[in-house]
PDB file of N, CA and C in Angstrom:
ATOM      1  N   MET A   1      79.965 101.267 102.265  1.00  0.00           N
ATOM      2  CA  MET A   1      81.285 101.193 101.676  1.00  0.00           C
ATOM      3  C   MET A   1      81.963  99.918 102.186  1.00  0.00           C
ATOM      4  N   SER A   2      82.505  99.140 101.280  1.00  0.00           N
ATOM      5  CA  SER A   2      83.149  97.881 101.662  1.00  0.00           C
ATOM      6  C   SER A   2      84.520  98.142 102.286  1.00  0.00           C
ATOM      7  N   PHE A   3      85.039  97.124 102.953  1.00  0.00           N
ATOM      8  CA  PHE A   3      86.366  97.249 103.546  1.00  0.00           C
ATOM      9  C   PHE A   3      87.407  97.517 102.461  1.00  0.00           C
ATOM     10  N   ARG A   4      87.232  96.848 101.333  1.00  0.00           N
ATOM     11  CA  ARG A   4      88.200  97.016 100.246  1.00  0.00           C
ATOM     12  C   ARG A   4      88.202  98.453  99.734  1.00  0.00           C
ATOM     13  N   SER A   5      87.012  99.006  99.530  1.00  0.00           N
ATOM     14  CA  SER A   5      86.966 100.381  99.021  1.00  0.00           C
ATOM     15  C   SER A   5      87.514 101.361 100.058  1.00  0.00           C
ATOM     16  N   ARG A   6      87.284 101.076 101.347  1.00  0.00           N
ATOM     17  CA  ARG A   6      87.871 101.918 102.396  1.00  0.00           C
ATOM     18  C   ARG A   6      89.394 101.814 102.375  1.00  0.00           C
ATOM     19  N   ALA A   7      89.897 100.604 102.168  1.00  0.00           N
ATOM     20  CA  ALA A   7      91.347 100.395 102.121  1.00  0.00           C
ATOM     21  C   ALA A   7      91.955 101.118 100.920  1.00  0.00           C
ATOM     22  N   GLU A   8      91.281 101.055  99.793  1.00  0.00           N
ATOM     23  CA  GLU A   8      91.781 101.746  98.603  1.00  0.00           C
ATOM     24  C   GLU A   8      91.732 103.262  98.803  1.00  0.00           C
ATOM     25  N   HIS A   9      90.687 103.735  99.454  1.00  0.00           N
ATOM     26  CA  HIS A   9      90.585 105.171  99.756  1.00  0.00           C
ATOM     27  C   HIS A   9      91.718 105.595 100.691  1.00  0.00           C
ATOM     28  N   ALA A  10      91.976 104.790 101.717  1.00  0.00           N
ATOM     29  CA  ALA A  10      93.072 105.082 102.648  1.00  0.00           C
ATOM     30  C   ALA A  10      94.416 105.060 101.923  1.00  0.00           C
ATOM     31  N   THR A  11      94.571 104.141 100.990  1.00  0.00           N
ATOM     32  CA  THR A  11      95.805 104.074 100.204  1.00  0.00           C
ATOM     33  C   THR A  11      96.006 105.370  99.427  1.00  0.00           C
ATOM     34  N   GLY A  12      94.932 105.872  98.838  1.00  0.00           N
ATOM     35  CA  GLY A  12      95.022 107.138  98.119  1.00  0.00           C
ATOM     36  C   GLY A  12      95.416 108.285  99.029  1.00  0.00           C
ATOM     37  N   ILE A  13      94.839 108.322 100.215  1.00  0.00           N
ATOM     38  CA  ILE A  13      95.188 109.372 101.179  1.00  0.00           C
ATOM     39  C   ILE A  13      96.647 109.261 101.589  1.00  0.00           C
ATOM     40  N   ILE A  14      97.089 108.044 101.866  1.00  0.00           N
ATOM     41  CA  ILE A  14      98.475 107.821 102.287  1.00  0.00           C
ATOM     42  C   ILE A  14      99.448 108.242 101.190  1.00  0.00           C
ATOM     43  N   THR A  15      99.190 107.818  99.961  1.00  0.00           N
ATOM     44  CA  THR A  15     100.110 108.166  98.872  1.00  0.00           C
ATOM     45  C   THR A  15     100.101 109.669  98.600  1.00  0.00           C
ATOM     46  N   ASP A  16      98.940 110.318  98.754  1.00  0.00           N
ATOM     47  CA  ASP A  16      98.889 111.773  98.596  1.00  0.00           C
ATOM     48  C   ASP A  16      99.688 112.473  99.699  1.00  0.00           C
ATOM     49  N   LEU A  17      99.545 112.003 100.939  1.00  0.00           N
ATOM     50  CA  LEU A  17     100.290 112.604 102.051  1.00  0.00           C
ATOM     51  C   LEU A  17     101.797 112.458 101.874  1.00  0.00           C
ATOM     52  N   LEU A  18     102.192 111.299 101.362  1.00  0.00           N
ATOM     53  CA  LEU A  18     103.618 111.049 101.152  1.00  0.00           C
ATOM     54  C   LEU A  18     104.112 111.609  99.826  1.00  0.00           C
ATOM     55  N   ASP A  19     103.178 112.111  99.016  1.00  0.00           N
ATOM     56  CA  ASP A  19     103.485 112.672  97.696  1.00  0.00           C
ATOM     57  C   ASP A  19     104.249 111.668  96.844  1.00  0.00           C
ATOM     58  N   ILE A  20     103.683 110.455  96.770  1.00  0.00           N
ATOM     59  CA  ILE A  20     104.287 109.402  95.957  1.00  0.00           C
ATOM     60  C   ILE A  20     103.247 108.844  94.990  1.00  0.00           C
ATOM     61  N   SER A  21     103.760 108.212  93.949  1.00  0.00           N
ATOM     62  CA  SER A  21     102.893 107.534  92.978  1.00  0.00           C
ATOM     63  C   SER A  21     103.377 106.092  92.851  1.00  0.00           C
ATOM     64  N   PRO A  22     102.868 105.213  93.720  1.00  0.00           N
ATOM     65  CA  PRO A  22     103.343 103.831  93.691  1.00  0.00           C
ATOM     66  C   PRO A  22     102.856 103.097  92.442  1.00  0.00           C
ATOM     67  N   GLU A  23     103.601 102.063  92.085  1.00  0.00           N
ATOM     68  CA  GLU A  23     103.165 101.192  90.988  1.00  0.00           C
ATOM     69  C   GLU A  23     101.886 100.499  91.432  1.00  0.00           C
ATOM     70  N   SER A  24     101.161  99.949  90.490  1.00  0.00           N
ATOM     71  CA  SER A  24      99.878  99.313  90.825  1.00  0.00           C
ATOM     72  C   SER A  24     100.064  98.146  91.786  1.00  0.00           C
ATOM     73  N   THR A  25     101.158  97.405  91.673  1.00  0.00           N
ATOM     74  CA  THR A  25     101.378  96.285  92.597  1.00  0.00           C
ATOM     75  C   THR A  25     101.675  96.793  94.005  1.00  0.00           C
ATOM     76  N   GLN A  26     102.379  97.914  94.087  1.00  0.00           N
ATOM     77  CA  GLN A  26     102.663  98.501  95.402  1.00  0.00           C
ATOM     78  C   GLN A  26     101.391  99.069  96.021  1.00  0.00           C
ATOM     79  N   ALA A  27     100.578  99.735  95.212  1.00  0.00           N
ATOM     80  CA  ALA A  27      99.310 100.287  95.706  1.00  0.00           C
ATOM     81  C   ALA A  27      98.404  99.156  96.179  1.00  0.00           C
ATOM     82  N   LYS A  28      98.389  98.037  95.458  1.00  0.00           N
ATOM     83  CA  LYS A  28      97.577  96.887  95.865  1.00  0.00           C
ATOM     84  C   LYS A  28      98.094  96.318  97.177  1.00  0.00           C
ATOM     85  N   ALA A  29      99.405  96.249  97.334  1.00  0.00           N
ATOM     86  CA  ALA A  29      99.990  95.724  98.577  1.00  0.00           C
ATOM     87  C   ALA A  29      99.639  96.627  99.760  1.00  0.00           C
ATOM     88  N   ILE A  30      99.663  97.937  99.545  1.00  0.00           N
ATOM     89  CA  ILE A  30      99.291  98.876 100.605  1.00  0.00           C
ATOM     90  C   ILE A  30      97.817  98.691 100.960  1.00  0.00           C
ATOM     91  N   ALA A  31      96.962  98.611  99.936  1.00  0.00           N
ATOM     92  CA  ALA A  31      95.524  98.426 100.170  1.00  0.00           C
ATOM     93  C   ALA A  31      95.255  97.102 100.876  1.00  0.00           C
ATOM     94  N   ASP A  32      95.986  96.049 100.506  1.00  0.00           N
ATOM     95  CA  ASP A  32      95.830  94.747 101.173  1.00  0.00           C
ATOM     96  C   ASP A  32      96.167  94.860 102.658  1.00  0.00           C
ATOM     97  N   ALA A  33      97.269  95.552 102.968  1.00  0.00           N
ATOM     98  CA  ALA A  33      97.688  95.694 104.366  1.00  0.00           C
ATOM     99  C   ALA A  33      96.668  96.510 105.158  1.00  0.00           C
ATOM    100  N   VAL A  34      96.167  97.581 104.561  1.00  0.00           N
ATOM    101  CA  VAL A  34      95.174  98.412 105.240  1.00  0.00           C
ATOM    102  C   VAL A  34      93.890  97.616 105.458  1.00  0.00           C
ATOM    103  N   GLU A  35      93.457  96.884 104.430  1.00  0.00           N
ATOM    104  CA  GLU A  35      92.241  96.071 104.547  1.00  0.00           C
ATOM    105  C   GLU A  35      92.384  95.026 105.646  1.00  0.00           C
ATOM    106  N   LYS A  36      93.541  94.383 105.711  1.00  0.00           N
ATOM    107  CA  LYS A  36      93.784  93.373 106.745  1.00  0.00           C
ATOM    108  C   LYS A  36      93.667  93.989 108.134  1.00  0.00           C
ATOM    109  N   GLU A  37      94.236  95.173 108.325  1.00  0.00           N
ATOM    110  CA  GLU A  37      94.166  95.842 109.623  1.00  0.00           C
ATOM    111  C   GLU A  37      92.737  96.248 109.971  1.00  0.00           C
ATOM    112  N   ILE A  38      91.979  96.695 108.982  1.00  0.00           N
ATOM    113  CA  ILE A  38      90.572  97.051 109.210  1.00  0.00           C
ATOM    114  C   ILE A  38      89.807  95.816 109.672  1.00  0.00           C
ATOM    115  N   ILE A  39      90.004  94.706 108.993  1.00  0.00           N
ATOM    116  CA  ILE A  39      89.303  93.466 109.329  1.00  0.00           C
ATOM    117  C   ILE A  39      89.676  93.010 110.742  1.00  0.00           C
ATOM    118  N   GLU A  40      90.971  93.043 111.060  1.00  0.00           N
ATOM    119  CA  GLU A  40      91.405  92.639 112.399  1.00  0.00           C
ATOM    120  C   GLU A  40      90.793  93.530 113.468  1.00  0.00           C
ATOM    121  N   ALA A  41      90.703  94.830 113.198  1.00  0.00           N
ATOM    122  CA  ALA A  41      90.107  95.754 114.161  1.00  0.00           C
ATOM    123  C   ALA A  41      88.629  95.443 114.369  1.00  0.00           C
ATOM    124  N   VAL A  42      87.919  95.146 113.292  1.00  0.00           N
ATOM    125  CA  VAL A  42      86.495  94.811 113.406  1.00  0.00           C
ATOM    126  C   VAL A  42      86.315  93.526 114.207  1.00  0.00           C
ATOM    127  N   LEU A  43      87.141  92.538 113.936  1.00  0.00           N
ATOM    128  CA  LEU A  43      87.030  91.272 114.661  1.00  0.00           C
ATOM    129  C   LEU A  43      87.344  91.452 116.152  1.00  0.00           C
ATOM    130  N   GLU A  44      88.368  92.224 116.462  1.00  0.00           N
ATOM    131  CA  GLU A  44      88.708  92.475 117.867  1.00  0.00           C
ATOM    132  C   GLU A  44      87.584  93.220 118.573  1.00  0.00           C
ATOM    133  N   GLU A  45      86.996  94.195 117.911  1.00  0.00           N
ATOM    134  CA  GLU A  45      85.915  94.960 118.515  1.00  0.00           C
ATOM    135  C   GLU A  45      84.665  94.107 118.696  1.00  0.00           C
ATOM    136  N   SER A  46      84.404  93.197 117.771  1.00  0.00           N
ATOM    137  CA  SER A  46      83.234  92.337 117.950  1.00  0.00           C
ATOM    138  C   SER A  46      83.426  91.405 119.139  1.00  0.00           C
ATOM    139  N   GLU A  47      84.644  90.917 119.334  1.00  0.00           N
ATOM    140  CA  GLU A  47      84.934  90.091 120.506  1.00  0.00           C
ATOM    141  C   GLU A  47      84.780  90.910 121.786  1.00  0.00           C
ATOM    142  N   ARG A  48      85.239  92.151 121.752  1.00  0.00           N
ATOM    143  CA  ARG A  48      85.110  93.030 122.907  1.00  0.00           C
ATOM    144  C   ARG A  48      83.639  93.273 123.218  1.00  0.00           C
ATOM    145  N   CYS A  49      82.835  93.434 122.176  1.00  0.00           N
ATOM    146  CA  CYS A  49      81.400  93.664 122.379  1.00  0.00           C
ATOM    147  C   CYS A  49      80.738  92.454 123.036  1.00  0.00           C
ATOM    148  N   VAL A  50      81.159  91.263 122.639  1.00  0.00           N
ATOM    149  CA  VAL A  50      80.617  90.053 123.261  1.00  0.00           C
ATOM    150  C   VAL A  50      80.958  90.029 124.743  1.00  0.00           C
ATOM    151  N   LYS A  51      82.203  90.354 125.073  1.00  0.00           N
ATOM    152  CA  LYS A  51      82.626  90.361 126.479  1.00  0.00           C
ATOM    153  C   LYS A  51      81.870  91.412 127.276  1.00  0.00           C
ATOM    154  N   VAL A  52      81.693  92.591 126.694  1.00  0.00           N
ATOM    155  CA  VAL A  52      80.973  93.660 127.381  1.00  0.00           C
ATOM    156  C   VAL A  52      79.523  93.255 127.594  1.00  0.00           C
ATOM    157  N   ALA A  53      78.906  92.684 126.575  1.00  0.00           N
ATOM    158  CA  ALA A  53      77.507  92.263 126.697  1.00  0.00           C
ATOM    159  C   ALA A  53      77.361  91.206 127.778  1.00  0.00           C
ATOM    160  N   SER A  54      78.300  90.289 127.828  1.00  0.00           N
ATOM    161  CA  SER A  54      78.231  89.236 128.838  1.00  0.00           C
ATOM    162  C   SER A  54      78.439  89.782 130.247  1.00  0.00           C
ATOM    163  N   SER A  55      79.359  90.721 130.396  1.00  0.00           N
ATOM    164  CA  SER A  55      79.649  91.230 131.736  1.00  0.00           C
ATOM    165  C   SER A  55      78.615  92.239 132.227  1.00  0.00           C
ATOM    166  N   CYS A  56      78.090  93.062 131.347  1.00  0.00           N
ATOM    167  CA  CYS A  56      77.144  94.084 131.807  1.00  0.00           C
ATOM    168  C   CYS A  56      75.775  93.497 132.115  1.00  0.00           C
ATOM    169  N   CYS A  57      75.476  92.378 131.538  1.00  0.00           N
ATOM    170  CA  CYS A  57      74.160  91.774 131.730  1.00  0.00           C
ATOM    171  C   CYS A  57      74.240  90.539 132.621  1.00  0.00           C
ATOM    172  N   SER A  58      75.238  90.463 133.470  1.00  0.00           N
ATOM    173  CA  SER A  58      75.415  89.261 134.280  1.00  0.00           C
ATOM    174  C   SER A  58      74.207  88.915 135.145  1.00  0.00           C
ATOM    175  N   PRO A  59      73.446  89.882 135.710  1.00  0.00           N
ATOM    176  CA  PRO A  59      72.257  89.490 136.477  1.00  0.00           C
ATOM    177  C   PRO A  59      71.209  88.791 135.610  1.00  0.00           C
ATOM    178  N   ASP A  60      71.183  89.152 134.348  1.00  0.00           N
ATOM    179  CA  ASP A  60      70.219  88.552 133.425  1.00  0.00           C
ATOM    180  C   ASP A  60      71.000  87.795 132.357  1.00  0.00           C
ATOM    181  N   LEU A  61      71.509  86.619 132.725  1.00  0.00           N
ATOM    182  CA  LEU A  61      72.374  85.861 131.829  1.00  0.00           C
ATOM    183  C   LEU A  61      71.689  85.472 130.532  1.00  0.00           C
ATOM    184  N   ASP A  62      70.382  85.236 130.575  1.00  0.00           N
ATOM    185  CA  ASP A  62      69.674  84.870 129.350  1.00  0.00           C
ATOM    186  C   ASP A  62      69.771  85.998 128.333  1.00  0.00           C
ATOM    187  N   LYS A  63      69.572  87.211 128.787  1.00  0.00           N
ATOM    188  CA  LYS A  63      69.666  88.371 127.903  1.00  0.00           C
ATOM    189  C   LYS A  63      71.090  88.513 127.375  1.00  0.00           C
ATOM    190  N   ALA A  64      72.068  88.328 128.243  1.00  0.00           N
ATOM    191  CA  ALA A  64      73.465  88.433 127.838  1.00  0.00           C
ATOM    192  C   ALA A  64      73.798  87.391 126.783  1.00  0.00           C
ATOM    193  N   HIS A  65      73.306  86.174 126.971  1.00  0.00           N
ATOM    194  CA  HIS A  65      73.566  85.115 125.993  1.00  0.00           C
ATOM    195  C   HIS A  65      72.908  85.438 124.657  1.00  0.00           C
ATOM    196  N   LYS A  66      71.710  85.987 124.698  1.00  0.00           N
ATOM    197  CA  LYS A  66      71.026  86.356 123.454  1.00  0.00           C
ATOM    198  C   LYS A  66      71.803  87.442 122.715  1.00  0.00           C
ATOM    199  N   ILE A  67      72.285  88.440 123.449  1.00  0.00           N
ATOM    200  CA  ILE A  67      73.074  89.506 122.829  1.00  0.00           C
ATOM    201  C   ILE A  67      74.373  88.938 122.256  1.00  0.00           C
ATOM    202  N   ALA A  68      75.045  88.103 123.040  1.00  0.00           N
ATOM    203  CA  ALA A  68      76.299  87.507 122.592  1.00  0.00           C
ATOM    204  C   ALA A  68      76.081  86.639 121.358  1.00  0.00           C
ATOM    205  N   GLU A  69      74.999  85.875 121.340  1.00  0.00           N
ATOM    206  CA  GLU A  69      74.704  85.033 120.175  1.00  0.00           C
ATOM    207  C   GLU A  69      74.429  85.882 118.941  1.00  0.00           C
ATOM    208  N   GLY A  70      73.719  86.992 119.122  1.00  0.00           N
ATOM    209  CA  GLY A  70      73.460  87.895 118.001  1.00  0.00           C
ATOM    210  C   GLY A  70      74.748  88.467 117.438  1.00  0.00           C
ATOM    211  N   ILE A  71      75.650  88.848 118.322  1.00  0.00           N
ATOM    212  CA  ILE A  71      76.936  89.379 117.885  1.00  0.00           C
ATOM    213  C   ILE A  71      77.739  88.288 117.183  1.00  0.00           C
ATOM    214  N   LYS A  72      77.718  87.083 117.715  1.00  0.00           N
ATOM    215  CA  LYS A  72      78.463  85.982 117.087  1.00  0.00           C
ATOM    216  C   LYS A  72      77.911  85.650 115.709  1.00  0.00           C
ATOM    217  N   ARG A  73      76.578  85.699 115.551  1.00  0.00           N
ATOM    218  CA  ARG A  73      75.980  85.443 114.230  1.00  0.00           C
ATOM    219  C   ARG A  73      76.421  86.513 113.232  1.00  0.00           C
ATOM    220  N   THR A  74      76.432  87.761 113.675  1.00  0.00           N
ATOM    221  CA  THR A  74      76.881  88.845 112.813  1.00  0.00           C
ATOM    222  C   THR A  74      78.351  88.679 112.469  1.00  0.00           C
ATOM    223  N   HIS A  75      79.135  88.274 113.447  1.00  0.00           N
ATOM    224  CA  HIS A  75      80.564  88.030 113.250  1.00  0.00           C
ATOM    225  C   HIS A  75      80.769  86.931 112.211  1.00  0.00           C
ATOM    226  N   THR A  76      80.011  85.846 112.311  1.00  0.00           N
ATOM    227  CA  THR A  76      80.126  84.739 111.362  1.00  0.00           C
ATOM    228  C   THR A  76      79.753  85.191 109.957  1.00  0.00           C
ATOM    229  N   ALA A  77      78.687  85.983 109.845  1.00  0.00           N
ATOM    230  CA  ALA A  77      78.275  86.494 108.539  1.00  0.00           C
ATOM    231  C   ALA A  77      79.353  87.408 107.963  1.00  0.00           C
ATOM    232  N   LEU A  78      79.963  88.226 108.814  1.00  0.00           N
ATOM    233  CA  LEU A  78      81.024  89.114 108.368  1.00  0.00           C
ATOM    234  C   LEU A  78      82.204  88.315 107.835  1.00  0.00           C
ATOM    235  N   ILE A  79      82.599  87.287 108.543  1.00  0.00           N
ATOM    236  CA  ILE A  79      83.723  86.444 108.101  1.00  0.00           C
ATOM    237  C   ILE A  79      83.391  85.784 106.759  1.00  0.00           C
ATOM    238  N   ALA A  80      82.169  85.290 106.620  1.00  0.00           N
ATOM    239  CA  ALA A  80      81.770  84.649 105.360  1.00  0.00           C
ATOM    240  C   ALA A  80      81.821  85.655 104.217  1.00  0.00           C
ATOM    241  N   ASN A  81      81.325  86.861 104.461  1.00  0.00           N
ATOM    242  CA  ASN A  81      81.345  87.889 103.417  1.00  0.00           C
ATOM    243  C   ASN A  81      82.774  88.293 103.058  1.00  0.00           C
ATOM    244  N   LEU A  82      83.625  88.426 104.057  1.00  0.00           N
ATOM    245  CA  LEU A  82      85.009  88.808 103.814  1.00  0.00           C
ATOM    246  C   LEU A  82      85.758  87.700 103.085  1.00  0.00           C
ATOM    247  N   SER A  83      85.477  86.473 103.436  1.00  0.00           N
ATOM    248  CA  SER A  83      86.135  85.347 102.787  1.00  0.00           C
ATOM    249  C   SER A  83      85.753  85.276 101.306  1.00  0.00           C
ATOM    250  N   SER A  84      84.527  85.630 100.988  1.00  0.00           N
ATOM    251  CA  SER A  84      84.086  85.570  99.594  1.00  0.00           C
ATOM    252  C   SER A  84      84.718  86.683  98.762  1.00  0.00           C
ATOM    253  N   LEU A  85      85.246  87.726  99.391  1.00  0.00           N
ATOM    254  CA  LEU A  85      85.870  88.816  98.659  1.00  0.00           C
ATOM    255  C   LEU A  85      87.263  88.448  98.182  1.00  0.00           C
ATOM    256  N   ARG A  86      87.884  87.502  98.810  1.00  0.00           N
ATOM    257  CA  ARG A  86      89.275  87.149  98.459  1.00  0.00           C
ATOM    258  C   ARG A  86      89.347  86.207  97.312  1.00  0.00           C
TER     259      ARG A  86
END
């Protein structure tokens, strides 16, 4: 499931909980805000994972660097994919 579809699903849940029927532009604005927060959370967690990998593997720095590089490559691919959605 893409971030956008998750954001739209969350928008539906939110509007149902609030018992409202927003206009399409309002629903899009809500979905945009939710999607932005999802993306920011993923980016923050990927940075946290890099820090954890670096700190937990400090005796074996080569392994830590390999893990960190793998996470950074995934992070870069994620940003490229997200950028293409806009």
